[in-house]
Amino acid sequence: TIKNLFTDGQEESIFPDGTIVRVQRDGSKMIEFNNGQRELHT
């Protein structure tokens, strides 16, 4: 798993199965699954 921590406070995690999770500074989270589904958490 690869996690990127950006200087503006955003985070991005890339999992071995291809799932990508992006966390914004406000705490909202976007998840992109390898099956084409996306999920947004606010």
PDB file of all heavy atoms in Angstrom:
ATOM      1  N   THR A   1       0.865  -1.173   0.000  1.00  0.00           N
ATOM      2  CA  THR A   1       0.000   0.000   0.000  1.00  0.00           C
ATOM      3  C   THR A   1       0.905   1.227   0.000  1.00  0.00           C
ATOM      4  O   THR A   1       1.907   1.265   0.711  1.00  0.00           O
ATOM      5  CB  THR A   1      -0.899   0.024   1.253  1.00  0.00           C
ATOM      6  OG1 THR A   1      -1.766  -1.106   1.213  1.00  0.00           O
ATOM      7  CG2 THR A   1      -1.721   1.299   1.338  1.00  0.00           C
ATOM      8  N   ILE A   2       0.545   2.224  -0.810  1.00  0.00           N
ATOM      9  CA  ILE A   2       1.327   3.458  -0.887  1.00  0.00           C
ATOM     10  C   ILE A   2       0.459   4.598  -0.366  1.00  0.00           C
ATOM     11  O   ILE A   2      -0.672   4.776  -0.803  1.00  0.00           O
ATOM     12  CB  ILE A   2       1.771   3.754  -2.332  1.00  0.00           C
ATOM     13  CG1 ILE A   2       2.662   2.623  -2.839  1.00  0.00           C
ATOM     14  CG2 ILE A   2       2.479   5.109  -2.417  1.00  0.00           C
ATOM     15  CD1 ILE A   2       2.952   2.689  -4.325  1.00  0.00           C
ATOM     16  N   LYS A   3       1.005   5.362   0.584  1.00  0.00           N
ATOM     17  CA  LYS A   3       0.285   6.512   1.130  1.00  0.00           C
ATOM     18  C   LYS A   3       1.105   7.768   0.849  1.00  0.00           C
ATOM     19  O   LYS A   3       2.289   7.830   1.174  1.00  0.00           O
ATOM     20  CB  LYS A   3       0.072   6.352   2.632  1.00  0.00           C
ATOM     21  CG  LYS A   3      -0.741   7.468   3.249  1.00  0.00           C
ATOM     22  CD  LYS A   3      -1.053   7.167   4.707  1.00  0.00           C
ATOM     23  CE  LYS A   3      -2.254   7.949   5.156  1.00  0.00           C
ATOM     24  NZ  LYS A   3      -2.788   7.430   6.408  1.00  0.00           N
ATOM     25  N   ASN A   4       0.457   8.752   0.211  1.00  0.00           N
ATOM     26  CA  ASN A   4       1.084  10.043  -0.054  1.00  0.00           C
ATOM     27  C   ASN A   4       0.487  11.078   0.883  1.00  0.00           C
ATOM     28  O   ASN A   4      -0.739  11.190   0.977  1.00  0.00           O
ATOM     29  CB  ASN A   4       0.846  10.462  -1.511  1.00  0.00           C
ATOM     30  CG  ASN A   4       1.573   9.568  -2.481  1.00  0.00           C
ATOM     31  OD1 ASN A   4       2.788   9.468  -2.446  1.00  0.00           O
ATOM     32  ND2 ASN A   4       0.827   8.891  -3.341  1.00  0.00           N
ATOM     33  N   LEU A   5       1.346  11.818   1.564  1.00  0.00           N
ATOM     34  CA  LEU A   5       0.923  12.915   2.431  1.00  0.00           C
ATOM     35  C   LEU A   5       1.424  14.201   1.790  1.00  0.00           C
ATOM     36  O   LEU A   5       2.638  14.412   1.662  1.00  0.00           O
ATOM     37  CB  LEU A   5       1.518  12.750   3.837  1.00  0.00           C
ATOM     38  CG  LEU A   5       1.210  11.433   4.535  1.00  0.00           C
ATOM     39  CD1 LEU A   5       2.058  11.265   5.783  1.00  0.00           C
ATOM     40  CD2 LEU A   5      -0.263  11.357   4.880  1.00  0.00           C
ATOM     41  N   PHE A   6       0.473  15.048   1.357  1.00  0.00           N
ATOM     42  CA  PHE A   6       0.832  16.264   0.640  1.00  0.00           C
ATOM     43  C   PHE A   6       0.962  17.431   1.607  1.00  0.00           C
ATOM     44  O   PHE A   6       0.381  17.429   2.694  1.00  0.00           O
ATOM     45  CB  PHE A   6      -0.220  16.562  -0.442  1.00  0.00           C
ATOM     46  CG  PHE A   6      -0.319  15.459  -1.463  1.00  0.00           C
ATOM     47  CD1 PHE A   6      -1.314  14.497  -1.374  1.00  0.00           C
ATOM     48  CD2 PHE A   6       0.593  15.369  -2.507  1.00  0.00           C
ATOM     49  CE1 PHE A   6      -1.405  13.468  -2.299  1.00  0.00           C
ATOM     50  CE2 PHE A   6       0.504  14.352  -3.443  1.00  0.00           C
ATOM     51  CZ  PHE A   6      -0.495  13.397  -3.340  1.00  0.00           C
ATOM     52  N   THR A   7       1.700  18.443   1.188  1.00  0.00           N
ATOM     53  CA  THR A   7       1.978  19.584   2.060  1.00  0.00           C
ATOM     54  C   THR A   7       0.724  20.397   2.377  1.00  0.00           C
ATOM     55  O   THR A   7       0.681  21.077   3.385  1.00  0.00           O
ATOM     56  CB  THR A   7       3.036  20.511   1.427  1.00  0.00           C
ATOM     57  OG1 THR A   7       2.586  20.893   0.121  1.00  0.00           O
ATOM     58  CG2 THR A   7       4.368  19.802   1.299  1.00  0.00           C
ATOM     59  N   ASP A   8      -0.313  20.306   1.541  1.00  0.00           N
ATOM     60  CA  ASP A   8      -1.545  21.064   1.783  1.00  0.00           C
ATOM     61  C   ASP A   8      -2.508  20.322   2.711  1.00  0.00           C
ATOM     62  O   ASP A   8      -3.632  20.759   2.925  1.00  0.00           O
ATOM     63  CB  ASP A   8      -2.239  21.418   0.471  1.00  0.00           C
ATOM     64  CG  ASP A   8      -2.693  20.187  -0.308  1.00  0.00           C
ATOM     65  OD1 ASP A   8      -2.510  19.048   0.184  1.00  0.00           O
ATOM     66  OD2 ASP A   8      -3.237  20.376  -1.412  1.00  0.00           O
ATOM     67  N   GLY A   9      -2.067  19.166   3.258  1.00  0.00           N
ATOM     68  CA  GLY A   9      -2.906  18.428   4.199  1.00  0.00           C
ATOM     69  C   GLY A   9      -3.705  17.302   3.570  1.00  0.00           C
ATOM     70  O   GLY A   9      -4.341  16.524   4.276  1.00  0.00           O
ATOM     71  N   GLN A  10      -3.710  17.185   2.253  1.00  0.00           N
ATOM     72  CA  GLN A  10      -4.432  16.095   1.598  1.00  0.00           C
ATOM     73  C   GLN A  10      -3.629  14.806   1.702  1.00  0.00           C
ATOM     74  O   GLN A  10      -2.404  14.836   1.830  1.00  0.00           O
ATOM     75  CB  GLN A  10      -4.687  16.432   0.126  1.00  0.00           C
ATOM     76  CG  GLN A  10      -5.598  17.630  -0.063  1.00  0.00           C
ATOM     77  CD  GLN A  10      -5.895  17.856  -1.527  1.00  0.00           C
ATOM     78  OE1 GLN A  10      -6.523  17.028  -2.165  1.00  0.00           O
ATOM     79  NE2 GLN A  10      -5.437  18.986  -2.056  1.00  0.00           N
ATOM     80  N   GLU A  11      -4.351  13.685   1.649  1.00  0.00           N
ATOM     81  CA  GLU A  11      -3.722  12.368   1.686  1.00  0.00           C
ATOM     82  C   GLU A  11      -4.273  11.516   0.553  1.00  0.00           C
ATOM     83  O   GLU A  11      -5.427  11.676   0.171  1.00  0.00           O
ATOM     84  CB  GLU A  11      -4.034  11.648   3.001  1.00  0.00           C
ATOM     85  CG  GLU A  11      -3.490  12.303   4.230  1.00  0.00           C
ATOM     86  CD  GLU A  11      -3.869  11.540   5.502  1.00  0.00           C
ATOM     87  OE1 GLU A  11      -4.336  10.385   5.406  1.00  0.00           O
ATOM     88  OE2 GLU A  11      -3.694  12.115   6.580  1.00  0.00           O
ATOM     89  N   GLU A  12      -3.442  10.599   0.080  1.00  0.00           N
ATOM     90  CA  GLU A  12      -3.879   9.655  -0.945  1.00  0.00           C
ATOM     91  C   GLU A  12      -3.267   8.300  -0.611  1.00  0.00           C
ATOM     92  O   GLU A  12      -2.070   8.207  -0.363  1.00  0.00           O
ATOM     93  CB  GLU A  12      -3.402  10.114  -2.318  1.00  0.00           C
ATOM     94  CG  GLU A  12      -3.714   9.139  -3.439  1.00  0.00           C
ATOM     95  CD  GLU A  12      -3.098   9.568  -4.747  1.00  0.00           C
ATOM     96  OE1 GLU A  12      -1.855   9.500  -4.868  1.00  0.00           O
ATOM     97  OE2 GLU A  12      -3.847   9.982  -5.640  1.00  0.00           O
ATOM     98  N   SER A  13      -4.112   7.260  -0.577  1.00  0.00           N
ATOM     99  CA  SER A  13      -3.632   5.899  -0.351  1.00  0.00           C
ATOM    100  C   SER A  13      -3.997   5.059  -1.562  1.00  0.00           C
ATOM    101  O   SER A  13      -5.130   5.092  -2.031  1.00  0.00           O
ATOM    102  CB  SER A  13      -4.260   5.292   0.904  1.00  0.00           C
ATOM    103  OG  SER A  13      -3.859   6.014   2.055  1.00  0.00           O
ATOM    104  N   ILE A  14      -3.025   4.306  -2.052  1.00  0.00           N
ATOM    105  CA  ILE A  14      -3.237   3.416  -3.194  1.00  0.00           C
ATOM    106  C   ILE A  14      -2.984   1.997  -2.699  1.00  0.00           C
ATOM    107  O   ILE A  14      -1.867   1.668  -2.279  1.00  0.00           O
ATOM    108  CB  ILE A  14      -2.290   3.773  -4.361  1.00  0.00           C
ATOM    109  CG1 ILE A  14      -2.482   5.244  -4.751  1.00  0.00           C
ATOM    110  CG2 ILE A  14      -2.528   2.847  -5.549  1.00  0.00           C
ATOM    111  CD1 ILE A  14      -1.398   5.796  -5.653  1.00  0.00           C
ATOM    112  N   PHE A  15      -4.036   1.170  -2.713  1.00  0.00           N
ATOM    113  CA  PHE A  15      -3.955  -0.175  -2.177  1.00  0.00           C
ATOM    114  C   PHE A  15      -3.546  -1.160  -3.265  1.00  0.00           C
ATOM    115  O   PHE A  15      -3.764  -0.906  -4.458  1.00  0.00           O
ATOM    116  CB  PHE A  15      -5.297  -0.566  -1.550  1.00  0.00           C
ATOM    117  CG  PHE A  15      -5.616   0.256  -0.333  1.00  0.00           C
ATOM    118  CD1 PHE A  15      -6.317   1.450  -0.441  1.00  0.00           C
ATOM    119  CD2 PHE A  15      -5.190  -0.147   0.913  1.00  0.00           C
ATOM    120  CE1 PHE A  15      -6.592   2.232   0.667  1.00  0.00           C
ATOM    121  CE2 PHE A  15      -5.460   0.621   2.033  1.00  0.00           C
ATOM    122  CZ  PHE A  15      -6.165   1.811   1.918  1.00  0.00           C
ATOM    123  N   PRO A  16      -2.973  -2.312  -2.888  1.00  0.00           N
ATOM    124  CA  PRO A  16      -2.516  -3.288  -3.880  1.00  0.00           C
ATOM    125  C   PRO A  16      -3.607  -3.739  -4.848  1.00  0.00           C
ATOM    126  O   PRO A  16      -3.307  -4.087  -5.993  1.00  0.00           O
ATOM    127  CB  PRO A  16      -2.026  -4.461  -3.031  1.00  0.00           C
ATOM    128  CG  PRO A  16      -1.654  -3.850  -1.722  1.00  0.00           C
ATOM    129  CD  PRO A  16      -2.635  -2.730  -1.527  1.00  0.00           C
ATOM    130  N   ASP A  17      -4.879  -3.727  -4.427  1.00  0.00           N
ATOM    131  CA  ASP A  17      -5.965  -4.160  -5.324  1.00  0.00           C
ATOM    132  C   ASP A  17      -6.400  -3.066  -6.294  1.00  0.00           C
ATOM    133  O   ASP A  17      -7.321  -3.262  -7.073  1.00  0.00           O
ATOM    134  CB  ASP A  17      -7.166  -4.671  -4.524  1.00  0.00           C
ATOM    135  CG  ASP A  17      -7.909  -3.557  -3.785  1.00  0.00           C
ATOM    136  OD1 ASP A  17      -7.484  -2.381  -3.824  1.00  0.00           O
ATOM    137  OD2 ASP A  17      -8.931  -3.871  -3.153  1.00  0.00           O
ATOM    138  N   GLY A  18      -5.756  -1.900  -6.231  1.00  0.00           N
ATOM    139  CA  GLY A  18      -6.086  -0.806  -7.136  1.00  0.00           C
ATOM    140  C   GLY A  18      -7.028   0.231  -6.550  1.00  0.00           C
ATOM    141  O   GLY A  18      -7.270   1.267  -7.162  1.00  0.00           O
ATOM    142  N   THR A  19      -7.569  -0.028  -5.362  1.00  0.00           N
ATOM    143  CA  THR A  19      -8.441   0.946  -4.700  1.00  0.00           C
ATOM    144  C   THR A  19      -7.615   2.176  -4.325  1.00  0.00           C
ATOM    145  O   THR A  19      -6.494   2.055  -3.838  1.00  0.00           O
ATOM    146  CB  THR A  19      -9.076   0.333  -3.440  1.00  0.00           C
ATOM    147  OG1 THR A  19      -9.843  -0.811  -3.825  1.00  0.00           O
ATOM    148  CG2 THR A  19      -9.985   1.335  -2.726  1.00  0.00           C
ATOM    149  N   ILE A  20      -8.208   3.362  -4.558  1.00  0.00           N
ATOM    150  CA  ILE A  20      -7.546   4.624  -4.213  1.00  0.00           C
ATOM    151  C   ILE A  20      -8.451   5.392  -3.258  1.00  0.00           C
ATOM    152  O   ILE A  20      -9.636   5.560  -3.517  1.00  0.00           O
ATOM    153  CB  ILE A  20      -7.276   5.479  -5.470  1.00  0.00           C
ATOM    154  CG1 ILE A  20      -6.386   4.709  -6.453  1.00  0.00           C
ATOM    155  CG2 ILE A  20      -6.642   6.817  -5.096  1.00  0.00           C
ATOM    156  CD1 ILE A  20      -6.228   5.378  -7.803  1.00  0.00           C
ATOM    157  N   VAL A  21      -7.868   5.859  -2.138  1.00  0.00           N
ATOM    158  CA  VAL A  21      -8.600   6.657  -1.163  1.00  0.00           C
ATOM    159  C   VAL A  21      -7.921   8.020  -1.075  1.00  0.00           C
ATOM    160  O   VAL A  21      -6.715   8.109  -0.828  1.00  0.00           O
ATOM    161  CB  VAL A  21      -8.616   5.985   0.234  1.00  0.00           C
ATOM    162  CG1 VAL A  21      -9.333   6.869   1.246  1.00  0.00           C
ATOM    163  CG2 VAL A  21      -9.262   4.611   0.165  1.00  0.00           C
ATOM    164  N   ARG A  22      -8.717   9.078  -1.301  1.00  0.00           N
ATOM    165  CA  ARG A  22      -8.194  10.443  -1.181  1.00  0.00           C
ATOM    166  C   ARG A  22      -8.933  11.141  -0.046  1.00  0.00           C
ATOM    167  O   ARG A  22     -10.161  11.145  -0.029  1.00  0.00           O
ATOM    168  CB  ARG A  22      -8.396  11.200  -2.488  1.00  0.00           C
ATOM    169  CG  ARG A  22      -7.544  10.672  -3.615  1.00  0.00           C
ATOM    170  CD  ARG A  22      -7.690  11.505  -4.889  1.00  0.00           C
ATOM    171  NE  ARG A  22      -6.844  10.991  -5.937  1.00  0.00           N
ATOM    172  CZ  ARG A  22      -7.216  10.053  -6.808  1.00  0.00           C
ATOM    173  NH1 ARG A  22      -8.437   9.557  -6.767  1.00  0.00           N
ATOM    174  NH2 ARG A  22      -6.372   9.629  -7.720  1.00  0.00           N
ATOM    175  N   VAL A  23      -8.174  11.734   0.866  1.00  0.00           N
ATOM    176  CA  VAL A  23      -8.753  12.453   1.996  1.00  0.00           C
ATOM    177  C   VAL A  23      -8.389  13.929   1.837  1.00  0.00           C
ATOM    178  O   VAL A  23      -7.215  14.277   1.693  1.00  0.00           O
ATOM    179  CB  VAL A  23      -8.216  11.915   3.350  1.00  0.00           C
ATOM    180  CG1 VAL A  23      -8.842  12.674   4.511  1.00  0.00           C
ATOM    181  CG2 VAL A  23      -8.488  10.415   3.474  1.00  0.00           C
ATOM    182  N   GLN A  24      -9.438  14.779   1.840  1.00  0.00           N
ATOM    183  CA  GLN A  24      -9.231  16.218   1.699  1.00  0.00           C
ATOM    184  C   GLN A  24      -8.935  16.839   3.063  1.00  0.00           C
ATOM    185  O   GLN A  24      -9.139  16.220   4.103  1.00  0.00           O
ATOM    186  CB  GLN A  24     -10.475  16.868   1.082  1.00  0.00           C
ATOM    187  CG  GLN A  24     -10.867  16.289  -0.268  1.00  0.00           C
ATOM    188  CD  GLN A  24      -9.776  16.398  -1.301  1.00  0.00           C
ATOM    189  OE1 GLN A  24      -9.150  17.439  -1.452  1.00  0.00           O
ATOM    190  NE2 GLN A  24      -9.525  15.311  -2.015  1.00  0.00           N
ATOM    191  N   ARG A  25      -8.518  18.087   3.063  1.00  0.00           N
ATOM    192  CA  ARG A  25      -8.211  18.782   4.323  1.00  0.00           C
ATOM    193  C   ARG A  25      -9.428  18.870   5.227  1.00  0.00           C
ATOM    194  O   ARG A  25      -9.302  18.865   6.440  1.00  0.00           O
ATOM    195  CB  ARG A  25      -7.680  20.187   4.037  1.00  0.00           C
ATOM    196  CG  ARG A  25      -6.283  20.161   3.502  1.00  0.00           C
ATOM    197  CD  ARG A  25      -5.634  21.518   3.491  1.00  0.00           C
ATOM    198  NE  ARG A  25      -6.560  22.618   3.370  1.00  0.00           N
ATOM    199  CZ  ARG A  25      -6.405  23.650   2.583  1.00  0.00           C
ATOM    200  NH1 ARG A  25      -5.351  23.734   1.818  1.00  0.00           N
ATOM    201  NH2 ARG A  25      -7.278  24.627   2.548  1.00  0.00           N
ATOM    202  N   ASP A  26     -10.641  18.960   4.636  1.00  0.00           N
ATOM    203  CA  ASP A  26     -11.858  19.084   5.444  1.00  0.00           C
ATOM    204  C   ASP A  26     -12.320  17.737   6.003  1.00  0.00           C
ATOM    205  O   ASP A  26     -13.344  17.659   6.675  1.00  0.00           O
ATOM    206  CB  ASP A  26     -12.985  19.735   4.634  1.00  0.00           C
ATOM    207  CG  ASP A  26     -13.449  18.880   3.457  1.00  0.00           C
ATOM    208  OD1 ASP A  26     -12.953  17.746   3.282  1.00  0.00           O
ATOM    209  OD2 ASP A  26     -14.324  19.362   2.709  1.00  0.00           O
ATOM    210  N   GLY A  27     -11.567  16.672   5.710  1.00  0.00           N
ATOM    211  CA  GLY A  27     -11.914  15.348   6.218  1.00  0.00           C
ATOM    212  C   GLY A  27     -12.768  14.527   5.274  1.00  0.00           C
ATOM    213  O   GLY A  27     -12.983  13.345   5.513  1.00  0.00           O
ATOM    214  N   SER A  28     -13.296  15.143   4.209  1.00  0.00           N
ATOM    215  CA  SER A  28     -14.091  14.359   3.264  1.00  0.00           C
ATOM    216  C   SER A  28     -13.181  13.366   2.548  1.00  0.00           C
ATOM    217  O   SER A  28     -11.984  13.603   2.378  1.00  0.00           O
ATOM    218  CB  SER A  28     -14.815  15.262   2.263  1.00  0.00           C
ATOM    219  OG  SER A  28     -13.891  15.964   1.465  1.00  0.00           O
ATOM    220  N   LYS A  29     -13.781  12.239   2.160  1.00  0.00           N
ATOM    221  CA  LYS A  29     -13.005  11.130   1.619  1.00  0.00           C
ATOM    222  C   LYS A  29     -13.635  10.639   0.327  1.00  0.00           C
ATOM    223  O   LYS A  29     -14.838  10.441   0.264  1.00  0.00           O
ATOM    224  CB  LYS A  29     -13.018  10.010   2.660  1.00  0.00           C
ATOM    225  CG  LYS A  29     -12.115   8.849   2.371  1.00  0.00           C
ATOM    226  CD  LYS A  29     -12.287   7.727   3.402  1.00  0.00           C
ATOM    227  CE  LYS A  29     -11.851   8.128   4.772  1.00  0.00           C
ATOM    228  NZ  LYS A  29     -11.892   6.998   5.715  1.00  0.00           N
ATOM    229  N   MET A  30     -12.805  10.454  -0.708  1.00  0.00           N
ATOM    230  CA  MET A  30     -13.249   9.879  -1.975  1.00  0.00           C
ATOM    231  C   MET A  30     -12.542   8.543  -2.134  1.00  0.00           C
ATOM    232  O   MET A  30     -11.325   8.464  -2.053  1.00  0.00           O
ATOM    233  CB  MET A  30     -12.902  10.797  -3.152  1.00  0.00           C
ATOM    234  CG  MET A  30     -13.198  10.189  -4.518  1.00  0.00           C
ATOM    235  SD  MET A  30     -14.918   9.794  -4.843  1.00  0.00           S
ATOM    236  CE  MET A  30     -15.561  11.409  -5.219  1.00  0.00           C
ATOM    237  N   ILE A  31     -13.329   7.492  -2.356  1.00  0.00           N
ATOM    238  CA  ILE A  31     -12.777   6.153  -2.549  1.00  0.00           C
ATOM    239  C   ILE A  31     -13.113   5.701  -3.964  1.00  0.00           C
ATOM    240  O   ILE A  31     -14.274   5.744  -4.361  1.00  0.00           O
ATOM    241  CB  ILE A  31     -13.371   5.155  -1.529  1.00  0.00           C
ATOM    242  CG1 ILE A  31     -13.166   5.669  -0.105  1.00  0.00           C
ATOM    243  CG2 ILE A  31     -12.751   3.767  -1.714  1.00  0.00           C
ATOM    244  CD1 ILE A  31     -13.981   4.940   0.942  1.00  0.00           C
ATOM    245  N   GLU A  32     -12.110   5.311  -4.707  1.00  0.00           N
ATOM    246  CA  GLU A  32     -12.306   4.787  -6.060  1.00  0.00           C
ATOM    247  C   GLU A  32     -11.930   3.312  -6.029  1.00  0.00           C
ATOM    248  O   GLU A  32     -10.774   2.964  -5.766  1.00  0.00           O
ATOM    249  CB  GLU A  32     -11.433   5.545  -7.059  1.00  0.00           C
ATOM    250  CG  GLU A  32     -11.818   7.011  -7.182  1.00  0.00           C
ATOM    251  CD  GLU A  32     -10.922   7.781  -8.137  1.00  0.00           C
ATOM    252  OE1 GLU A  32     -10.244   7.141  -8.975  1.00  0.00           O
ATOM    253  OE2 GLU A  32     -10.880   9.008  -8.024  1.00  0.00           O
ATOM    254  N   PHE A  33     -12.927   2.456  -6.276  1.00  0.00           N
ATOM    255  CA  PHE A  33     -12.707   1.017  -6.241  1.00  0.00           C
ATOM    256  C   PHE A  33     -12.280   0.523  -7.614  1.00  0.00           C
ATOM    257  O   PHE A  33     -12.607   1.127  -8.643  1.00  0.00           O
ATOM    258  CB  PHE A  33     -13.984   0.293  -5.793  1.00  0.00           C
ATOM    259  CG  PHE A  33     -14.408   0.662  -4.398  1.00  0.00           C
ATOM    260  CD1 PHE A  33     -15.346   1.666  -4.184  1.00  0.00           C
ATOM    261  CD2 PHE A  33     -13.861   0.019  -3.298  1.00  0.00           C
ATOM    262  CE1 PHE A  33     -15.739   2.016  -2.902  1.00  0.00           C
ATOM    263  CE2 PHE A  33     -14.248   0.356  -2.010  1.00  0.00           C
ATOM    264  CZ  PHE A  33     -15.189   1.364  -1.812  1.00  0.00           C
ATOM    265  N   ASN A  34     -11.603  -0.618  -7.655  1.00  0.00           N
ATOM    266  CA  ASN A  34     -11.110  -1.138  -8.926  1.00  0.00           C
ATOM    267  C   ASN A  34     -12.225  -1.695  -9.811  1.00  0.00           C
ATOM    268  O   ASN A  34     -12.004  -1.992 -10.975  1.00  0.00           O
ATOM    269  CB  ASN A  34     -10.021  -2.193  -8.699  1.00  0.00           C
ATOM    270  CG  ASN A  34     -10.510  -3.389  -7.915  1.00  0.00           C
ATOM    271  OD1 ASN A  34     -11.698  -3.488  -7.587  1.00  0.00           O
ATOM    272  ND2 ASN A  34      -9.607  -4.302  -7.606  1.00  0.00           N
ATOM    273  N   ASN A  35     -13.459  -1.802  -9.276  1.00  0.00           N
ATOM    274  CA  ASN A  35     -14.589  -2.283 -10.084  1.00  0.00           C
ATOM    275  C   ASN A  35     -15.370  -1.126 -10.712  1.00  0.00           C
ATOM    276  O   ASN A  35     -16.446  -1.327 -11.261  1.00  0.00           O
ATOM    277  CB  ASN A  35     -15.532  -3.148  -9.236  1.00  0.00           C
ATOM    278  CG  ASN A  35     -16.134  -2.385  -8.074  1.00  0.00           C
ATOM    279  OD1 ASN A  35     -15.947  -1.176  -7.937  1.00  0.00           O
ATOM    280  ND2 ASN A  35     -16.855  -3.090  -7.225  1.00  0.00           N
ATOM    281  N   GLY A  36     -14.835   0.097 -10.600  1.00  0.00           N
ATOM    282  CA  GLY A  36     -15.475   1.256 -11.212  1.00  0.00           C
ATOM    283  C   GLY A  36     -16.397   2.026 -10.272  1.00  0.00           C
ATOM    284  O   GLY A  36     -16.863   3.104 -10.611  1.00  0.00           O
ATOM    285  N   GLN A  37     -16.680   1.477  -9.102  1.00  0.00           N
ATOM    286  CA  GLN A  37     -17.526   2.190  -8.144  1.00  0.00           C
ATOM    287  C   GLN A  37     -16.706   3.269  -7.445  1.00  0.00           C
ATOM    288  O   GLN A  37     -15.495   3.156  -7.298  1.00  0.00           O
ATOM    289  CB  GLN A  37     -18.098   1.218  -7.107  1.00  0.00           C
ATOM    290  CG  GLN A  37     -19.022   0.185  -7.702  1.00  0.00           C
ATOM    291  CD  GLN A  37     -19.556  -0.771  -6.644  1.00  0.00           C
ATOM    292  OE1 GLN A  37     -19.498  -0.520  -5.450  1.00  0.00           O
ATOM    293  NE2 GLN A  37     -20.082  -1.906  -7.106  1.00  0.00           N
ATOM    294  N   ARG A  38     -17.420   4.330  -7.034  1.00  0.00           N
ATOM    295  CA  ARG A  38     -16.800   5.425  -6.275  1.00  0.00           C
ATOM    296  C   ARG A  38     -17.644   5.701  -5.054  1.00  0.00           C
ATOM    297  O   ARG A  38     -18.866   5.551  -5.097  1.00  0.00           O
ATOM    298  CB  ARG A  38     -16.718   6.690  -7.135  1.00  0.00           C
ATOM    299  CG  ARG A  38     -15.782   6.563  -8.294  1.00  0.00           C
ATOM    300  CD  ARG A  38     -15.873   7.737  -9.244  1.00  0.00           C
ATOM    301  NE  ARG A  38     -16.103   8.990  -8.577  1.00  0.00           N
ATOM    302  CZ  ARG A  38     -15.650  10.167  -8.985  1.00  0.00           C
ATOM    303  NH1 ARG A  38     -14.940  10.233 -10.084  1.00  0.00           N
ATOM    304  NH2 ARG A  38     -15.904  11.266  -8.326  1.00  0.00           N
ATOM    305  N   GLU A  39     -16.998   6.112  -3.987  1.00  0.00           N
ATOM    306  CA  GLU A  39     -17.725   6.436  -2.769  1.00  0.00           C
ATOM    307  C   GLU A  39     -17.199   7.756  -2.236  1.00  0.00           C
ATOM    308  O   GLU A  39     -15.996   7.997  -2.233  1.00  0.00           O
ATOM    309  CB  GLU A  39     -17.503   5.321  -1.732  1.00  0.00           C
ATOM    310  CG  GLU A  39     -18.654   5.166  -0.778  1.00  0.00           C
ATOM    311  CD  GLU A  39     -18.566   3.874   0.024  1.00  0.00           C
ATOM    312  OE1 GLU A  39     -19.050   2.841  -0.470  1.00  0.00           O
ATOM    313  OE2 GLU A  39     -18.018   3.927   1.136  1.00  0.00           O
ATOM    314  N   LEU A  40     -18.121   8.610  -1.792  1.00  0.00           N
ATOM    315  CA  LEU A  40     -17.767   9.898  -1.218  1.00  0.00           C
ATOM    316  C   LEU A  40     -18.296   9.931   0.204  1.00  0.00           C
ATOM    317  O   LEU A  40     -19.487   9.679   0.430  1.00  0.00           O
ATOM    318  CB  LEU A  40     -18.372  11.045  -2.045  1.00  0.00           C
ATOM    319  CG  LEU A  40     -18.170  12.460  -1.509  1.00  0.00           C
ATOM    320  CD1 LEU A  40     -16.685  12.829  -1.460  1.00  0.00           C
ATOM    321  CD2 LEU A  40     -18.926  13.465  -2.384  1.00  0.00           C
ATOM    322  N   HIS A  41     -17.424  10.221   1.161  1.00  0.00           N
ATOM    323  CA  HIS A  41     -17.812  10.346   2.562  1.00  0.00           C
ATOM    324  C   HIS A  41     -17.617  11.801   2.984  1.00  0.00           C
ATOM    325  O   HIS A  41     -16.523  12.346   2.830  1.00  0.00           O
ATOM    326  CB  HIS A  41     -16.931   9.477   3.459  1.00  0.00           C
ATOM    327  CG  HIS A  41     -17.054   8.013   3.209  1.00  0.00           C
ATOM    328  ND1 HIS A  41     -16.646   7.086   4.126  1.00  0.00           N
ATOM    329  CD2 HIS A  41     -17.528   7.302   2.164  1.00  0.00           C
ATOM    330  CE1 HIS A  41     -16.856   5.865   3.654  1.00  0.00           C
ATOM    331  NE2 HIS A  41     -17.387   5.977   2.454  1.00  0.00           N
ATOM    332  N   THR A  42     -18.673  12.421   3.487  1.00  0.00           N
ATOM    333  CA  THR A  42     -18.571  13.773   4.040  1.00  0.00           C
ATOM    334  C   THR A  42     -19.191  13.748   5.436  1.00  0.00           C
ATOM    335  O   THR A  42     -19.702  12.720   5.875  1.00  0.00           O
ATOM    336  CB  THR A  42     -19.321  14.809   3.170  1.00  0.00           C
ATOM    337  OG1 THR A  42     -20.728  14.593   3.313  1.00  0.00           O
ATOM    338  CG2 THR A  42     -18.913  14.727   1.708  1.00  0.00           C
TER     339      THR A  42
END
